C-alpha atoms as a PDB file:
ATOM      1  CA  MET A   1       0.011  -0.018   0.290  1.00  0.00           C
ATOM      2  CA  ASP A   2       1.166   3.336  -0.931  1.00  0.00           C
ATOM      3  CA  HIS A   3       2.031   5.323   1.870  1.00  0.00           C
ATOM      4  CA  ASP A   4       0.648   8.581   1.612  1.00  0.00           C
ATOM      5  CA  HIS A   5      -2.563   6.549   0.647  1.00  0.00           C
ATOM      6  CA  PRO A   6      -5.702   7.329   3.263  1.00  0.00           C
ATOM      7  CA  LEU A   7      -6.041   4.587   4.917  1.00  0.00           C
ATOM      8  CA  ASN A   8      -2.163   3.020   5.497  1.00  0.00           C
ATOM      9  CA  VAL A   9      -2.378   3.070   9.340  1.00  0.00           C
ATOM     10  CA  SER A  10       0.645   1.138  10.558  1.00  0.00           C
ATOM     11  CA  LYS A  11       0.959  -1.655  13.386  1.00  0.00           C
ATOM     12  CA  SER A  12       2.125   1.326  15.413  1.00  0.00           C
ATOM     13  CA  THR A  13      -1.176   3.440  14.680  1.00  0.00           C
ATOM     14  CA  ALA A  14      -4.782   2.878  16.026  1.00  0.00           C
ATOM     15  CA  PRO A  15      -7.299   1.228  13.101  1.00  0.00           C
ATOM     16  CA  ILE A  16      -9.060   3.795  11.576  1.00  0.00           C
ATOM     17  CA  THR A  17     -13.176   4.678  13.426  1.00  0.00           C
ATOM     18  CA  ARG A  18     -16.090   4.440  11.313  1.00  0.00           C
ATOM     19  CA  ASP A  19     -16.946   7.824  10.917  1.00  0.00           C
ATOM     20  CA  GLN A  20     -13.005   8.110   9.718  1.00  0.00           C
ATOM     21  CA  PHE A  21     -13.899   5.168   6.552  1.00  0.00           C
ATOM     22  CA  MET A  22     -17.226   6.967   6.034  1.00  0.00           C
ATOM     23  CA  ALA A  23     -15.843  10.694   6.263  1.00  0.00           C
ATOM     24  CA  PHE A  24     -12.998   8.261   3.502  1.00  0.00           C
ATOM     25  CA  PHE A  25     -15.478   6.808   1.536  1.00  0.00           C
ATOM     26  CA  ARG A  26     -18.018   9.930   0.639  1.00  0.00           C
ATOM     27  CA  SER A  27     -14.951  12.184  -0.225  1.00  0.00           C
ATOM     28  CA  GLY A  28     -13.103  12.532  -4.119  1.00  0.00           C
ATOM     29  CA  THR A  29     -10.083  11.496  -1.869  1.00  0.00           C
ATOM     30  CA  PHE A  30     -11.930   7.121  -1.985  1.00  0.00           C
ATOM     31  CA  TYR A  31     -11.625   7.797  -5.886  1.00  0.00           C
ATOM     32  CA  GLU A  32      -8.042   8.693  -5.929  1.00  0.00           C
ATOM     33  CA  HIS A  33      -6.653   5.913  -4.063  1.00  0.00           C
ATOM     34  CA  MET A  34      -9.649   2.837  -5.194  1.00  0.00           C
ATOM     35  CA  SER A  35      -9.162   0.700  -7.888  1.00  0.00           C
ATOM     36  CA  ASP A  36     -11.985  -0.389  -9.999  1.00  0.00           C
ATOM     37  CA  ASP A  37     -10.885  -3.613  -8.535  1.00  0.00           C
ATOM     38  CA  ASP A  38     -10.572  -2.045  -5.236  1.00  0.00           C
ATOM     39  CA  CYS A  39     -14.165  -0.559  -5.618  1.00  0.00           C
ATOM     40  CA  ARG A  40     -15.568  -3.854  -6.787  1.00  0.00           C
ATOM     41  CA  GLU A  41     -14.256  -5.918  -3.881  1.00  0.00           C
ATOM     42  CA  ILE A  42     -15.692  -3.488  -1.233  1.00  0.00           C
ATOM     43  CA  PHE A  43     -19.581  -3.965  -2.914  1.00  0.00           C
ATOM     44  CA  ALA A  44     -19.147  -6.998  -3.041  1.00  0.00           C
ATOM     45  CA  THR A  45     -18.343  -7.716   0.536  1.00  0.00           C
ATOM     46  CA  VAL A  46     -19.514  -5.123   2.205  1.00  0.00           C
ATOM     47  CA  LEU A  47     -23.483  -6.175   2.520  1.00  0.00           C
ATOM     48  CA  LYS A  48     -24.060  -8.360   5.787  1.00  0.00           C
ATOM     49  CA  GLY A  49     -27.018 -11.348   4.858  1.00  0.00           C
ATOM     50  CA  GLY A  50     -28.647 -12.124   1.301  1.00  0.00           C
ATOM     51  CA  SER A  51     -31.741 -10.637   3.252  1.00  0.00           C
ATOM     52  CA  ASP A  52     -29.863  -7.175   1.958  1.00  0.00           C
ATOM     53  CA  LEU A  53     -30.267  -8.365  -1.055  1.00  0.00           C
ATOM     54  CA  THR A  54     -34.168  -7.122  -2.519  1.00  0.00           C
ATOM     55  CA  ALA A  55     -36.030  -7.385  -5.808  1.00  0.00           C
ATOM     56  CA  LYS A  56     -36.466  -3.490  -4.893  1.00  0.00           C
ATOM     57  CA  PHE A  57     -32.568  -2.740  -3.054  1.00  0.00           C
ATOM     58  CA  LEU A  58     -30.928  -4.170  -6.367  1.00  0.00           C
ATOM     59  CA  ASN A  59     -33.332  -2.659  -9.504  1.00  0.00           C
ATOM     60  CA  GLU A  60     -33.303   0.669  -7.246  1.00  0.00           C
ATOM     61  CA  LEU A  61     -28.879  -0.670  -7.710  1.00  0.00           C
ATOM     62  CA  LEU A  62     -28.770  -0.787 -11.860  1.00  0.00           C
ATOM     63  CA  GLU A  63     -31.922   2.478 -11.610  1.00  0.00           C
ATOM     64  CA  ASP A  64     -28.603   4.071 -10.336  1.00  0.00           C
ATOM     65  CA  TYR A  65     -26.667   2.729 -12.740  1.00  0.00           C
ATOM     66  CA  SER A  66     -28.385   3.118 -15.880  1.00  0.00           C
ATOM     67  CA  VAL A  67     -28.468   0.102 -16.277  1.00  0.00           C
ATOM     68  CA  GLU A  68     -32.083   0.410 -18.947  1.00  0.00           C
ATOM     69  CA  ASP A  69     -31.596  -3.696 -19.892  1.00  0.00           C
ATOM     70  CA  VAL A  70     -31.927  -5.574 -16.999  1.00  0.00           C
ATOM     71  CA  ILE A  71     -34.748  -6.577 -14.267  1.00  0.00           C
ATOM     72  CA  VAL A  72     -34.811  -8.613 -10.799  1.00  0.00           C
ATOM     73  CA  VAL A  73     -38.203 -10.009  -9.938  1.00  0.00           C
ATOM     74  CA  ASN A  74     -38.703 -11.435  -6.889  1.00  0.00           C
ATOM     75  CA  THR A  75     -39.441 -15.552  -7.935  1.00  0.00           C
ATOM     76  CA  LYS A  76     -41.560 -16.204  -4.759  1.00  0.00           C
ATOM     77  CA  THR A  77     -44.216 -13.131  -5.157  1.00  0.00           C
ATOM     78  CA  LEU A  78     -43.307 -12.502  -9.505  1.00  0.00           C
ATOM     79  CA  ASP A  79     -42.404  -8.590  -7.556  1.00  0.00           C
ATOM     80  CA  TRP A  80     -39.756  -6.134  -8.896  1.00  0.00           C
ATOM     81  CA  ARG A  81     -40.349  -3.301  -6.730  1.00  0.00           C
END
């Protein structure tokens, strides 16, 4: 890891706090220092469980990223909301 990277923490330094991480995540600095692979890894692992993945959430995500040719449908209700 780059020594100038905002999340660089040595063994003698306390781990970053939630507030520090969230401030970094919400800043433009996040995008300057994180690779596309880093962002995909965070996205793929950050949710706590399967209950976080609803048709509504996934469709909102697809809409946020302007993906127009995919719809997620809840197979139990055949609902996409």
